[in-house]
Amino acid sequence: MGTIKSKIAKGGLALAVLGIISILLSFFNYNVKLLAWIDLWGSTMGWVIRILLIVGGAALFFLLGSDEDAE
């Protein structure tokens, strides 16, 4: 069961990193190709989705990744 938790935690970290990269690239009017759909609903909703990616990914990483050290 620990391997599933660690894989989900790594996936959460990947989501958070994608959100951060998307925010950094948006300042230069670029976007990650995987996340190009974000701005289809407008600029404000794009920022909300980016922030949710970071918060949700970080939550998965910290909540499920901390059990790996305890074992």
C-alpha atoms as a PDB file:
ATOM      1  CA  MET A   1       0.000   0.000   0.000  1.00  0.00           C
ATOM      2  CA  GLY A   2       2.945   2.292   0.605  1.00  0.00           C
ATOM      3  CA  THR A   3       3.994   2.218  -3.034  1.00  0.00           C
ATOM      4  CA  ILE A   4       0.599   3.464  -4.162  1.00  0.00           C
ATOM      5  CA  LYS A   5       0.791   6.322  -1.670  1.00  0.00           C
ATOM      6  CA  SER A   6       4.269   7.260  -2.809  1.00  0.00           C
ATOM      7  CA  LYS A   7       3.204   7.217  -6.472  1.00  0.00           C
ATOM      8  CA  ILE A   8       0.217   9.454  -5.729  1.00  0.00           C
ATOM      9  CA  ALA A   9       2.494  11.763  -3.737  1.00  0.00           C
ATOM     10  CA  LYS A  10       4.892  11.970  -6.689  1.00  0.00           C
ATOM     11  CA  GLY A  11       1.935  12.680  -8.974  1.00  0.00           C
ATOM     12  CA  GLY A  12       0.886  15.481  -6.634  1.00  0.00           C
ATOM     13  CA  LEU A  13       4.381  16.908  -6.791  1.00  0.00           C
ATOM     14  CA  ALA A  14       4.229  16.762 -10.594  1.00  0.00           C
ATOM     15  CA  LEU A  15       0.894  18.644 -10.563  1.00  0.00           C
ATOM     16  CA  ALA A  16       2.328  21.337  -8.319  1.00  0.00           C
ATOM     17  CA  VAL A  17       5.425  21.709 -10.498  1.00  0.00           C
ATOM     18  CA  LEU A  18       3.282  21.935 -13.652  1.00  0.00           C
ATOM     19  CA  GLY A  19       1.204  24.649 -11.997  1.00  0.00           C
ATOM     20  CA  ILE A  20       4.304  26.632 -11.035  1.00  0.00           C
ATOM     21  CA  ILE A  21       5.818  26.260 -14.509  1.00  0.00           C
ATOM     22  CA  SER A  22       2.514  27.330 -16.047  1.00  0.00           C
ATOM     23  CA  ILE A  23       2.442  30.456 -13.879  1.00  0.00           C
ATOM     24  CA  LEU A  24       6.028  31.350 -14.754  1.00  0.00           C
ATOM     25  CA  LEU A  25       5.465  30.833 -18.479  1.00  0.00           C
ATOM     26  CA  SER A  26       2.210  32.809 -18.459  1.00  0.00           C
ATOM     27  CA  PHE A  27       4.189  35.973 -17.723  1.00  0.00           C
ATOM     28  CA  PHE A  28       5.831  35.543 -21.140  1.00  0.00           C
ATOM     29  CA  ASN A  29       2.547  34.602 -22.912  1.00  0.00           C
ATOM     30  CA  TYR A  30       3.586  30.947 -23.181  1.00  0.00           C
ATOM     31  CA  ASN A  31       1.964  27.883 -21.696  1.00  0.00           C
ATOM     32  CA  VAL A  32       2.688  24.223 -21.090  1.00  0.00           C
ATOM     33  CA  LYS A  33       1.189  22.308 -24.012  1.00  0.00           C
ATOM     34  CA  LEU A  34      -0.506  19.878 -21.645  1.00  0.00           C
ATOM     35  CA  LEU A  35      -2.221  22.801 -19.874  1.00  0.00           C
ATOM     36  CA  ALA A  36      -3.192  24.878 -22.915  1.00  0.00           C
ATOM     37  CA  TRP A  37      -6.890  24.308 -22.167  1.00  0.00           C
ATOM     38  CA  ILE A  38      -6.652  26.330 -18.951  1.00  0.00           C
ATOM     39  CA  ASP A  39      -7.116  29.734 -20.571  1.00  0.00           C
ATOM     40  CA  LEU A  40     -10.144  28.713 -22.652  1.00  0.00           C
ATOM     41  CA  TRP A  41     -12.438  29.937 -19.858  1.00  0.00           C
ATOM     42  CA  GLY A  42     -10.723  33.280 -19.493  1.00  0.00           C
ATOM     43  CA  SER A  43      -7.748  34.708 -17.714  1.00  0.00           C
ATOM     44  CA  THR A  44      -9.232  34.726 -14.213  1.00  0.00           C
ATOM     45  CA  MET A  45     -10.370  31.113 -14.385  1.00  0.00           C
ATOM     46  CA  GLY A  46      -6.955  30.169 -15.779  1.00  0.00           C
ATOM     47  CA  TRP A  47      -5.277  31.636 -12.710  1.00  0.00           C
ATOM     48  CA  VAL A  48      -7.737  29.853 -10.417  1.00  0.00           C
ATOM     49  CA  ILE A  49      -6.980  26.510 -12.083  1.00  0.00           C
ATOM     50  CA  ARG A  50      -3.222  27.117 -11.876  1.00  0.00           C
ATOM     51  CA  ILE A  51      -3.448  27.921  -8.163  1.00  0.00           C
ATOM     52  CA  LEU A  52      -5.659  24.878  -7.554  1.00  0.00           C
ATOM     53  CA  LEU A  53      -3.094  22.688  -9.321  1.00  0.00           C
ATOM     54  CA  ILE A  54      -0.381  23.948  -7.007  1.00  0.00           C
ATOM     55  CA  VAL A  55      -2.431  23.693  -3.807  1.00  0.00           C
ATOM     56  CA  GLY A  56      -3.949  20.308  -4.666  1.00  0.00           C
ATOM     57  CA  GLY A  57      -0.648  18.856  -5.803  1.00  0.00           C
ATOM     58  CA  ALA A  58       1.173  20.116  -2.729  1.00  0.00           C
ATOM     59  CA  ALA A  59      -1.585  18.718  -0.495  1.00  0.00           C
ATOM     60  CA  LEU A  60      -1.260  15.278  -2.112  1.00  0.00           C
ATOM     61  CA  PHE A  61       2.498  15.406  -1.781  1.00  0.00           C
ATOM     62  CA  PHE A  62       2.573  16.445   1.868  1.00  0.00           C
ATOM     63  CA  LEU A  63      -0.338  14.298   3.056  1.00  0.00           C
ATOM     64  CA  LEU A  64       0.654  11.064   1.327  1.00  0.00           C
ATOM     65  CA  GLY A  65       4.399  11.543   1.065  1.00  0.00           C
ATOM     66  CA  SER A  66       5.006  11.932   4.790  1.00  0.00           C
ATOM     67  CA  ASP A  67       4.084   8.297   5.599  1.00  0.00           C
ATOM     68  CA  GLU A  68       7.048   7.023   3.599  1.00  0.00           C
ATOM     69  CA  ASP A  69       9.505   8.360   6.191  1.00  0.00           C
ATOM     70  CA  ALA A  70       7.602   6.801   9.098  1.00  0.00           C
ATOM     71  CA  GLU A  71       8.035   3.268   7.752  1.00  0.00           C
END
